[in-house]
Amino acid sequence: MAIEGLSSKLQEFTKKLRGKTRITESDLKEMLREVKLALLDADVNYKIVKEFTASIQEKALGQDVLKSLTPGQQVVKIVKDELVELLGGMEANINFSPNPPTIIMLVGLQGSGKTTTAGKLANLLRKEGKKPLLVACDVYRPAAIKQLQVVGAQLNIPVFANENSKDVVHIAKQAMNIAYSKMNDVIILDTAGRLQIDEELMNELKNVKANEHPHEILLVVDAMTGQEAVNVANGFNDALGIDGVILTKLDGDTRGGAALSVKKVTGKPIKFAGTGEKLSELEVFHPDRMASRILGMGDVLSIIEKAEESFDQEEAEKLTKQLAKKEFDLNDYLAQLRQVKKMGSFSSLLKMIPGMADIKDLKVDDKEFVRIEAIICSMTDKERRNPKILNGQRRLRIAKGSGTSVQEINRFMKSFEMTQKMMKQMKDKKSIKKMMGEMKNMNPKELQKLKDSMK
């Protein structure tokens, strides 16, 4: 996460507070000084840092907190509430037109990830039941049209492009006609960017806005540019009037103070966040969940949603039946490994589990799972179904086929045998389904109730 350094420092701060049975003003000032330095180091706007820490101090020194039996926990709650407010309060949704198609115009500087984000957004909206059309409105950058076409082909989402025209307003109008004829209810315009904000860029975007009247103008900003991201957001908002922000590269390892500054400075909400390079890695931005992640409190709701989206119910049911018969082979292991991989990287998932952030030495190498997949794929079907036949000669062949060593094969097989024993001990069908994230038997009301109970 782009705010990893800030996250660890804020977690240290809240950890100190939790155990406090009494908090003095001097204690709080000293701790808030550390928070202030951490925020500034993360490239958060100075004025915002000052207001943020002042608000925490004022509320934390109130009579209700001082008289509380658990003042430390009360202050942690104040910190979280202030962080949620700083990030935008409530999640902000796209304003869909009651008379489709809804036009979404993506704007931003070159290098912010606009074209890839257009594909990610179309993919996300399709999962919500929409029928999007991607439109190539960047007629200047070499290969920009081709890039969007490639992204569209990977997602099987239609792309409209007119390589013979430089008139962006005309291209957008043509796209409208295509959308009407093909029943597309969302149009996403991938507009041109520049290396910096200039008059020519803004005039072109203003022309598109004046002629096409987009329902949403979303600014795509690279979170890794820190405070400059906020300056860019301000510039576009002043000149064009944006409706929201999409933060890309939020999975980076730099300061990323933009996530904490952009809403407060521009008044415009962060609507989506890019959390990885895959075309599936764009999320609705939930301020409360992001605050929980930053403070190391986990994000169980997002894990549930990822499981709902990623897990194949048919595969889970099949595994349930096999486990009921006390069977679990390497084919099942591989199937479940691939299901979990769909949810994202293992390291990012672990950070969403409450308490995991406190384990300093916890390191997960996602490449290890790639090696495991290669090992299993190098086996014959007979070997996968009956791993007991894996003698030395077979293991040597598998090592060569997977690009690993016999020692790595041996280590993996020991690990698998332990997993197999654990799975065989599980007789309760319900616990199996729960473990696999299988929610087939849970109706929508029950599922919503589970989610609400975790808020």
Protein backbone atom coordinates (compact mmCIF):
# COMPACT_ATOMS: atom_id res chain seq x y z
CA MET A 1 0.00 0.00 0.00
CA ALA A 2 1.27 3.48 -0.88
CA ILE A 3 0.88 4.63 2.73
CA GLU A 4 2.74 1.67 4.27
CA GLY A 5 5.17 3.84 6.25
CA LEU A 6 2.41 6.08 7.59
CA SER A 7 0.30 3.02 8.37
CA SER A 8 3.00 1.41 10.53
CA LYS A 9 3.59 4.67 12.45
CA LEU A 10 -0.10 5.23 13.11
CA GLN A 11 -0.42 1.63 14.28
CA GLU A 12 2.41 2.21 16.77
CA PHE A 13 0.57 5.31 17.99
CA THR A 14 -2.76 3.51 18.49
CA LYS A 15 -0.99 0.54 20.15
CA LYS A 16 0.50 2.87 22.77
CA LEU A 17 -2.93 4.35 23.40
CA ARG A 18 -4.86 1.10 23.76
CA GLY A 19 -3.15 0.09 26.99
CA LYS A 20 -3.43 3.52 28.61
CA THR A 21 -5.67 3.71 31.68
CA ARG A 22 -4.93 7.42 32.01
CA ILE A 23 -4.00 9.96 29.36
CA THR A 24 -2.51 13.33 30.23
CA GLU A 25 -2.36 16.32 27.93
CA SER A 26 1.44 16.08 27.72
CA ASP A 27 1.22 12.36 26.81
CA LEU A 28 -1.19 13.13 24.00
CA LYS A 29 0.83 16.07 22.67
CA GLU A 30 3.97 13.94 22.51
CA MET A 31 2.20 11.15 20.66
CA LEU A 32 0.42 13.53 18.29
CA ARG A 33 3.77 15.09 17.46
CA GLU A 34 4.88 11.67 16.15
CA VAL A 35 1.64 11.39 14.15
CA LYS A 36 2.22 14.86 12.68
CA LEU A 37 5.75 13.95 11.55
CA ALA A 38 4.50 10.66 10.07
CA LEU A 39 1.78 12.46 8.08
CA LEU A 40 4.19 15.09 6.78
CA ASP A 41 6.67 12.37 5.84
CA ALA A 42 3.88 10.67 3.86
CA ASP A 43 3.54 13.95 1.91
CA VAL A 44 0.16 14.91 3.35
CA ASN A 45 -0.70 18.61 2.97
CA TYR A 46 0.64 20.62 5.95
CA LYS A 47 -2.61 22.50 6.58
CA ILE A 48 -4.54 19.21 6.65
CA VAL A 49 -2.02 17.67 9.09
CA LYS A 50 -2.43 20.64 11.43
CA GLU A 51 -6.24 20.47 11.35
CA PHE A 52 -6.26 16.67 11.73
CA THR A 53 -4.03 16.55 14.84
CA ALA A 54 -5.74 19.61 16.39
CA SER A 55 -9.14 17.97 16.03
CA ILE A 56 -7.92 14.72 17.63
CA GLN A 57 -6.37 16.64 20.52
CA GLU A 58 -9.51 18.67 21.15
CA LYS A 59 -11.81 15.63 21.17
CA ALA A 60 -9.38 13.38 23.06
CA LEU A 61 -9.07 15.85 25.94
CA GLY A 62 -12.84 16.10 26.37
CA GLN A 63 -14.40 15.18 29.70
CA ASP A 64 -16.12 12.06 28.30
CA VAL A 65 -12.79 10.56 27.30
CA LEU A 66 -10.89 11.54 30.43
CA LYS A 67 -13.57 9.97 32.68
CA SER A 68 -13.85 6.83 30.57
CA LEU A 69 -12.65 3.49 31.99
CA THR A 70 -10.80 2.88 28.71
CA PRO A 71 -9.53 6.30 27.57
CA GLY A 72 -6.90 4.71 25.31
CA GLN A 73 -9.51 2.87 23.29
CA GLN A 74 -11.69 5.97 23.18
CA VAL A 75 -8.85 7.96 21.64
CA VAL A 76 -8.18 5.19 19.10
CA LYS A 77 -11.83 5.48 18.07
CA ILE A 78 -11.45 9.25 17.71
CA VAL A 79 -8.35 8.76 15.54
CA LYS A 80 -10.21 6.30 13.32
CA ASP A 81 -13.29 8.54 13.01
CA GLU A 82 -11.12 11.54 12.09
CA LEU A 83 -9.23 9.45 9.54
CA VAL A 84 -12.51 8.28 7.96
CA GLU A 85 -13.67 11.88 7.76
CA LEU A 86 -10.36 12.96 6.22
CA LEU A 87 -10.68 10.26 3.56
CA GLY A 88 -14.15 11.42 2.60
CA GLY A 89 -16.60 10.07 5.18
CA MET A 90 -18.91 7.92 3.07
CA GLU A 91 -18.14 6.14 -0.20
CA ALA A 92 -19.18 8.16 -3.26
CA ASN A 93 -20.94 6.32 -6.07
CA ILE A 94 -21.21 7.07 -9.76
CA ASN A 95 -24.26 9.15 -10.65
CA PHE A 96 -25.89 7.02 -13.34
CA SER A 97 -28.27 8.76 -15.72
CA PRO A 98 -31.96 7.70 -15.52
CA ASN A 99 -31.89 7.90 -19.31
CA PRO A 100 -28.94 5.76 -20.53
CA PRO A 101 -26.27 5.89 -21.71
CA THR A 102 -24.35 7.39 -18.79
CA ILE A 103 -21.27 9.22 -20.09
CA ILE A 104 -18.14 9.00 -17.94
CA MET A 105 -15.20 11.14 -19.03
CA LEU A 106 -11.78 10.16 -17.69
CA VAL A 107 -9.23 12.97 -17.57
CA GLY A 108 -5.67 13.28 -16.24
CA LEU A 109 -2.01 13.71 -17.06
CA GLN A 110 0.05 11.29 -19.14
CA GLY A 111 1.42 8.38 -17.13
CA SER A 112 -1.36 8.36 -14.54
CA GLY A 113 -2.71 5.06 -15.90
CA LYS A 114 -5.81 6.53 -17.55
CA THR A 115 -6.19 4.03 -20.40
CA THR A 116 -5.72 0.96 -18.19
CA THR A 117 -8.09 2.50 -15.64
CA ALA A 118 -10.73 2.96 -18.35
CA GLY A 119 -10.62 -0.82 -18.92
CA LYS A 120 -10.64 -1.58 -15.19
CA LEU A 121 -13.65 0.70 -14.65
CA ALA A 122 -15.53 -0.87 -17.57
CA ASN A 123 -14.78 -4.32 -16.12
CA LEU A 124 -16.00 -3.29 -12.66
CA LEU A 125 -19.22 -1.76 -14.01
CA ARG A 126 -19.90 -4.84 -16.13
CA LYS A 127 -19.81 -6.95 -12.96
CA GLU A 128 -22.55 -4.64 -11.64
CA GLY A 129 -24.73 -5.49 -14.63
CA LYS A 130 -23.81 -2.59 -16.92
CA LYS A 131 -22.99 -2.86 -20.62
CA PRO A 132 -20.05 -0.47 -21.14
CA LEU A 133 -18.51 0.91 -24.33
CA LEU A 134 -14.89 2.16 -24.26
CA VAL A 135 -14.16 5.15 -26.50
CA ALA A 136 -10.65 6.10 -27.69
CA CYS A 137 -10.52 9.90 -27.43
CA ASP A 138 -6.74 10.18 -27.08
CA VAL A 139 -5.79 11.02 -30.67
CA TYR A 140 -2.31 12.36 -29.91
CA ARG A 141 -0.31 9.83 -27.88
CA PRO A 142 1.30 7.20 -30.12
CA ALA A 143 -0.39 3.80 -29.77
CA ALA A 144 -2.99 5.14 -27.30
CA ILE A 145 -5.84 3.83 -29.44
CA LYS A 146 -4.13 0.47 -29.88
CA GLN A 147 -3.54 0.21 -26.12
CA LEU A 148 -7.24 0.72 -25.40
CA GLN A 149 -8.18 -1.82 -28.07
CA VAL A 150 -5.83 -4.38 -26.51
CA VAL A 151 -7.31 -3.74 -23.04
CA GLY A 152 -10.83 -4.05 -24.46
CA ALA A 153 -9.96 -7.32 -26.22
CA GLN A 154 -8.51 -8.79 -22.98
CA LEU A 155 -11.76 -8.00 -21.16
CA ASN A 156 -14.06 -8.74 -24.10
CA ILE A 157 -15.48 -5.21 -23.85
CA PRO A 158 -16.22 -3.28 -27.09
CA VAL A 159 -14.02 -0.31 -28.04
CA PHE A 160 -15.01 2.46 -30.44
CA ALA A 161 -12.19 4.27 -32.24
CA ASN A 162 -11.93 6.49 -35.33
CA GLU A 163 -8.29 6.55 -36.39
CA ASN A 164 -9.06 8.88 -39.33
CA SER A 165 -10.28 11.75 -37.17
CA LYS A 166 -8.57 14.15 -34.77
CA ASP A 167 -11.86 15.77 -33.77
CA VAL A 168 -12.52 14.40 -30.29
CA VAL A 169 -16.02 15.92 -30.05
CA HIS A 170 -16.96 14.24 -33.34
CA ILE A 171 -15.56 10.88 -32.10
CA ALA A 172 -17.61 11.18 -28.90
CA LYS A 173 -20.77 11.92 -30.91
CA GLN A 174 -20.16 8.88 -33.12
CA ALA A 175 -19.71 6.78 -29.99
CA MET A 176 -23.11 7.95 -28.73
CA ASN A 177 -24.77 6.66 -31.89
CA ILE A 178 -22.94 3.32 -31.54
CA ALA A 179 -24.04 3.07 -27.91
CA TYR A 180 -27.69 3.66 -28.83
CA SER A 181 -27.59 1.05 -31.59
CA LYS A 182 -25.73 -1.56 -29.49
CA MET A 183 -27.73 -0.85 -26.28
CA ASN A 184 -24.63 0.17 -24.29
CA ASP A 185 -25.77 1.90 -21.09
CA VAL A 186 -22.34 3.32 -20.10
CA ILE A 187 -19.85 5.19 -22.30
CA ILE A 188 -16.32 5.67 -20.96
CA LEU A 189 -14.30 8.34 -22.77
CA ASP A 190 -10.53 7.84 -22.53
CA THR A 191 -9.30 11.38 -23.22
CA ALA A 192 -5.81 12.67 -23.99
CA GLY A 193 -3.35 13.72 -21.30
CA ARG A 194 -0.28 15.93 -21.24
CA LEU A 195 2.94 15.95 -19.27
CA GLN A 196 1.57 19.00 -17.48
CA ILE A 197 -1.66 20.98 -17.32
CA ASP A 198 -1.82 23.41 -20.25
CA GLU A 199 -4.40 25.61 -21.99
CA GLU A 200 -4.64 23.41 -25.09
CA LEU A 201 -5.46 20.31 -23.04
CA MET A 202 -8.10 22.10 -20.99
CA ASN A 203 -9.77 23.71 -24.02
CA GLU A 204 -10.18 20.32 -25.67
CA LEU A 205 -11.67 18.80 -22.50
CA LYS A 206 -13.97 21.82 -22.07
CA ASN A 207 -15.23 21.33 -25.66
CA VAL A 208 -16.03 17.68 -24.98
CA LYS A 209 -17.80 18.66 -21.74
CA ALA A 210 -19.82 21.43 -23.44
CA ASN A 211 -20.93 19.21 -26.33
CA GLU A 212 -21.41 15.80 -24.71
CA HIS A 213 -22.49 16.85 -21.19
CA PRO A 214 -20.85 13.91 -19.36
CA HIS A 215 -22.65 12.74 -16.24
CA GLU A 216 -19.33 12.08 -14.50
CA ILE A 217 -15.90 13.65 -14.99
CA LEU A 218 -13.40 11.50 -13.11
CA LEU A 219 -9.80 12.56 -12.67
CA VAL A 220 -7.26 9.72 -12.76
CA VAL A 221 -4.35 10.51 -10.45
CA ASP A 222 -1.17 8.56 -9.69
CA ALA A 223 -1.07 8.13 -5.88
CA MET A 224 2.71 7.70 -5.99
CA THR A 225 3.26 11.32 -7.02
CA GLY A 226 2.39 12.43 -3.49
CA GLN A 227 1.56 16.10 -2.97
CA GLU A 228 1.79 16.76 -6.72
CA ALA A 229 -1.29 14.55 -7.14
CA VAL A 230 -3.26 17.04 -5.04
CA ASN A 231 -1.94 19.96 -7.09
CA VAL A 232 -3.02 18.21 -10.30
CA ALA A 233 -6.47 17.51 -8.81
CA ASN A 234 -6.82 21.17 -7.87
CA GLY A 235 -5.77 22.31 -11.34
CA PHE A 236 -8.25 20.08 -13.17
CA ASN A 237 -11.05 20.91 -10.73
CA ASP A 238 -10.54 24.67 -11.08
CA ALA A 239 -10.40 24.54 -14.88
CA LEU A 240 -12.90 21.78 -15.65
CA GLY A 241 -14.97 20.95 -12.59
CA ILE A 242 -14.48 17.27 -11.74
CA ASP A 243 -16.96 14.98 -9.97
CA GLY A 244 -14.49 12.64 -8.36
CA VAL A 245 -11.04 11.07 -8.35
CA ILE A 246 -9.67 7.64 -9.21
CA LEU A 247 -6.38 6.99 -7.39
CA THR A 248 -4.10 4.60 -9.27
CA LYS A 249 -1.06 2.71 -7.96
CA LEU A 250 -2.31 2.69 -4.39
CA ASP A 251 -0.38 -0.58 -4.03
CA GLY A 252 2.94 1.23 -4.51
CA ASP A 253 5.51 1.59 -1.74
CA THR A 254 6.09 5.34 -1.76
CA ARG A 255 4.62 8.06 0.44
CA GLY A 256 1.12 8.27 -1.08
CA GLY A 257 -0.18 11.21 0.98
CA ALA A 258 -2.58 11.97 -1.88
CA ALA A 259 -5.04 9.46 -0.46
CA LEU A 260 -5.30 11.56 2.71
CA SER A 261 -5.20 15.00 1.09
CA VAL A 262 -7.23 14.98 -2.11
CA LYS A 263 -10.77 15.08 -0.64
CA LYS A 264 -10.00 17.80 1.89
CA VAL A 265 -8.13 20.02 -0.57
CA THR A 266 -10.40 19.66 -3.63
CA GLY A 267 -13.72 18.92 -1.96
CA LYS A 268 -14.14 16.08 -4.46
CA PRO A 269 -14.41 12.45 -3.29
CA ILE A 270 -12.11 9.56 -4.17
CA LYS A 271 -14.52 7.18 -5.92
CA PHE A 272 -12.21 4.33 -6.94
CA ALA A 273 -8.73 3.06 -6.13
CA GLY A 274 -6.39 0.98 -8.29
CA THR A 275 -4.77 -1.66 -6.09
CA GLY A 276 -2.64 -3.59 -8.58
CA GLU A 277 -1.67 -4.12 -12.20
CA LYS A 278 -4.36 -6.68 -13.07
CA LEU A 279 -7.43 -5.44 -14.95
CA SER A 280 -9.57 -6.73 -12.08
CA GLU A 281 -7.72 -4.67 -9.45
CA LEU A 282 -9.89 -1.58 -9.17
CA GLU A 283 -12.04 -1.13 -6.06
CA VAL A 284 -14.78 1.20 -4.92
CA PHE A 285 -13.06 3.49 -2.40
CA HIS A 286 -14.52 2.95 1.08
CA PRO A 287 -13.11 5.58 3.51
CA ASP A 288 -14.02 3.52 6.59
CA ARG A 289 -12.36 0.37 5.24
CA MET A 290 -9.26 2.27 4.15
CA ALA A 291 -8.98 3.86 7.61
CA SER A 292 -9.22 0.38 9.17
CA ARG A 293 -6.45 -0.90 6.90
CA ILE A 294 -4.21 2.06 7.69
CA LEU A 295 -4.69 1.53 11.43
CA GLY A 296 -4.11 -2.23 11.16
CA MET A 297 -7.68 -3.12 12.08
CA GLY A 298 -8.19 -5.25 8.99
CA ASP A 299 -10.85 -5.15 6.29
CA VAL A 300 -12.97 -8.27 6.61
CA LEU A 301 -15.81 -6.90 4.47
CA SER A 302 -13.53 -6.58 1.45
CA ILE A 303 -12.30 -10.16 1.96
CA ILE A 304 -15.91 -11.40 1.99
CA GLU A 305 -16.68 -9.47 -1.21
CA LYS A 306 -13.56 -10.78 -2.92
CA ALA A 307 -14.50 -14.35 -1.91
CA GLU A 308 -18.05 -13.91 -3.20
CA GLU A 309 -16.72 -12.65 -6.51
CA SER A 310 -13.86 -15.11 -6.94
CA PHE A 311 -14.94 -18.47 -5.56
CA ASP A 312 -16.53 -20.91 -7.96
CA GLN A 313 -19.56 -22.42 -6.21
CA GLU A 314 -19.49 -25.57 -8.34
CA GLU A 315 -15.84 -26.21 -7.45
CA ALA A 316 -16.51 -25.59 -3.75
CA GLU A 317 -19.49 -27.99 -3.80
CA LYS A 318 -17.39 -30.63 -5.54
CA LEU A 319 -14.63 -30.25 -2.92
CA THR A 320 -17.20 -30.48 -0.12
CA LYS A 321 -18.42 -33.84 -1.44
CA GLN A 322 -14.87 -35.15 -1.78
CA LEU A 323 -13.95 -34.05 1.73
CA ALA A 324 -17.09 -35.74 3.04
CA LYS A 325 -15.61 -38.94 1.61
CA LYS A 326 -12.27 -38.03 3.23
CA GLU A 327 -10.57 -37.49 -0.13
CA PHE A 328 -8.31 -34.56 -0.88
CA ASP A 329 -5.70 -34.83 -3.61
CA LEU A 330 -3.33 -32.49 -5.45
CA ASN A 331 -5.97 -31.70 -8.09
CA ASP A 332 -8.17 -30.29 -5.30
CA TYR A 333 -5.21 -28.44 -3.80
CA LEU A 334 -4.41 -26.82 -7.17
CA ALA A 335 -8.06 -25.89 -7.78
CA GLN A 336 -8.31 -24.13 -4.41
CA LEU A 337 -4.94 -22.40 -4.88
CA ARG A 338 -6.22 -20.94 -8.15
CA GLN A 339 -9.50 -19.86 -6.55
CA VAL A 340 -7.68 -17.95 -3.81
CA LYS A 341 -5.27 -16.39 -6.33
CA LYS A 342 -8.25 -14.77 -8.05
CA MET A 343 -8.82 -12.72 -4.91
CA GLY A 344 -5.46 -10.98 -5.31
CA SER A 345 -1.99 -11.36 -3.84
CA PHE A 346 -1.69 -13.32 -0.58
CA SER A 347 0.28 -10.50 1.05
CA SER A 348 -2.50 -7.96 0.32
CA LEU A 349 -5.16 -10.36 1.65
CA LEU A 350 -3.26 -10.95 4.89
CA LYS A 351 -3.18 -7.20 5.53
CA MET A 352 -6.99 -7.21 5.49
CA ILE A 353 -7.16 -9.74 8.33
CA PRO A 354 -7.44 -8.01 11.74
CA GLY A 355 -4.31 -8.44 13.84
CA MET A 356 -2.06 -9.56 11.00
CA ALA A 357 -0.52 -6.10 10.74
CA ASP A 358 0.87 -6.57 14.27
CA ILE A 359 3.02 -9.51 13.15
CA LYS A 360 6.19 -7.76 12.05
CA ASP A 361 8.06 -10.76 10.67
CA LEU A 362 5.12 -12.09 8.65
CA LYS A 363 6.32 -12.27 5.05
CA VAL A 364 4.51 -13.96 2.20
CA ASP A 365 6.30 -14.58 -1.07
CA ASP A 366 3.62 -14.73 -3.76
CA LYS A 367 6.19 -16.31 -6.10
CA GLU A 368 6.19 -19.37 -3.82
CA PHE A 369 2.63 -20.11 -4.94
CA VAL A 370 3.68 -19.82 -8.57
CA ARG A 371 6.34 -22.47 -7.86
CA ILE A 372 3.78 -24.73 -6.18
CA GLU A 373 1.50 -24.42 -9.20
CA ALA A 374 4.42 -25.31 -11.49
CA ILE A 375 5.27 -28.35 -9.34
CA ILE A 376 1.71 -29.73 -9.42
CA CYS A 377 1.34 -29.02 -13.16
CA SER A 378 4.53 -31.04 -13.81
CA MET A 379 2.93 -34.15 -12.34
CA THR A 380 0.84 -36.70 -14.21
CA ASP A 381 -2.85 -37.00 -13.36
CA LYS A 382 -2.12 -40.34 -11.67
CA GLU A 383 0.51 -38.70 -9.44
CA ARG A 384 -1.86 -35.87 -8.49
CA ARG A 385 -4.58 -38.32 -7.51
CA ASN A 386 -2.20 -40.58 -5.61
CA PRO A 387 0.84 -38.62 -4.32
CA LYS A 388 2.08 -41.71 -2.43
CA ILE A 389 3.61 -43.05 -5.66
CA LEU A 390 6.03 -40.10 -5.85
CA ASN A 391 9.35 -41.93 -5.51
CA GLY A 392 12.79 -40.37 -5.97
CA GLN A 393 12.85 -40.82 -9.76
CA ARG A 394 9.44 -39.22 -10.20
CA ARG A 395 10.39 -36.31 -7.94
CA LEU A 396 13.55 -35.69 -9.97
CA ARG A 397 11.46 -35.58 -13.18
CA ILE A 398 8.96 -33.17 -11.60
CA ALA A 399 11.79 -30.92 -10.35
CA LYS A 400 13.22 -30.68 -13.86
CA GLY A 401 9.80 -30.03 -15.37
CA SER A 402 8.90 -27.27 -12.90
CA GLY A 403 12.31 -25.59 -12.75
CA THR A 404 12.67 -26.38 -9.06
CA SER A 405 14.82 -28.72 -6.96
CA VAL A 406 14.06 -32.10 -5.39
CA GLN A 407 14.46 -30.43 -1.98
CA GLU A 408 11.67 -27.98 -2.87
CA ILE A 409 9.47 -30.86 -4.02
CA ASN A 410 10.10 -32.64 -0.70
CA ARG A 411 9.26 -29.51 1.32
CA PHE A 412 6.05 -28.96 -0.60
CA MET A 413 4.95 -32.60 -0.24
CA LYS A 414 5.48 -32.44 3.54
CA SER A 415 3.35 -29.30 3.65
CA PHE A 416 0.67 -30.93 1.47
CA GLU A 417 0.57 -34.05 3.69
CA MET A 418 -0.08 -31.85 6.72
CA THR A 419 -2.88 -30.06 4.84
CA GLN A 420 -4.31 -33.41 3.73
CA LYS A 421 -4.40 -34.68 7.33
CA MET A 422 -6.12 -31.51 8.50
CA MET A 423 -8.72 -31.73 5.73
CA LYS A 424 -9.44 -35.39 6.46
CA GLN A 425 -10.16 -34.53 10.09
CA MET A 426 -12.90 -32.15 9.04
CA LYS A 427 -16.16 -34.04 9.13
CA ASP A 428 -18.58 -31.20 9.61
CA LYS A 429 -19.86 -30.18 6.19
CA LYS A 430 -20.75 -26.69 7.35
CA SER A 431 -17.27 -25.94 8.62
CA ILE A 432 -15.80 -27.08 5.31
CA LYS A 433 -18.04 -24.75 3.37
CA LYS A 434 -17.24 -21.89 5.71
CA MET A 435 -13.52 -22.46 5.37
CA MET A 436 -13.71 -22.45 1.57
CA GLY A 437 -15.65 -19.18 1.56
CA GLU A 438 -18.60 -21.12 0.07
CA MET A 439 -21.70 -19.02 0.54
CA LYS A 440 -24.05 -20.91 -1.73
CA ASN A 441 -26.55 -21.75 1.00
CA MET A 442 -26.62 -18.24 2.41
CA ASN A 443 -29.44 -16.12 1.04
CA PRO A 444 -28.80 -12.39 0.26
CA LYS A 445 -30.43 -11.24 3.51
CA GLU A 446 -28.23 -13.54 5.62
CA LEU A 447 -25.12 -12.44 3.73
CA GLN A 448 -26.00 -8.76 4.24
CA LYS A 449 -26.60 -9.46 7.92
CA LEU A 450 -23.11 -10.99 8.19
CA LYS A 451 -21.57 -7.96 6.51
CA ASP A 452 -23.51 -5.49 8.68
CA SER A 453 -22.37 -7.29 11.83
CA MET A 454 -18.76 -6.62 10.86
CA LYS A 455 -19.17 -2.88 10.32
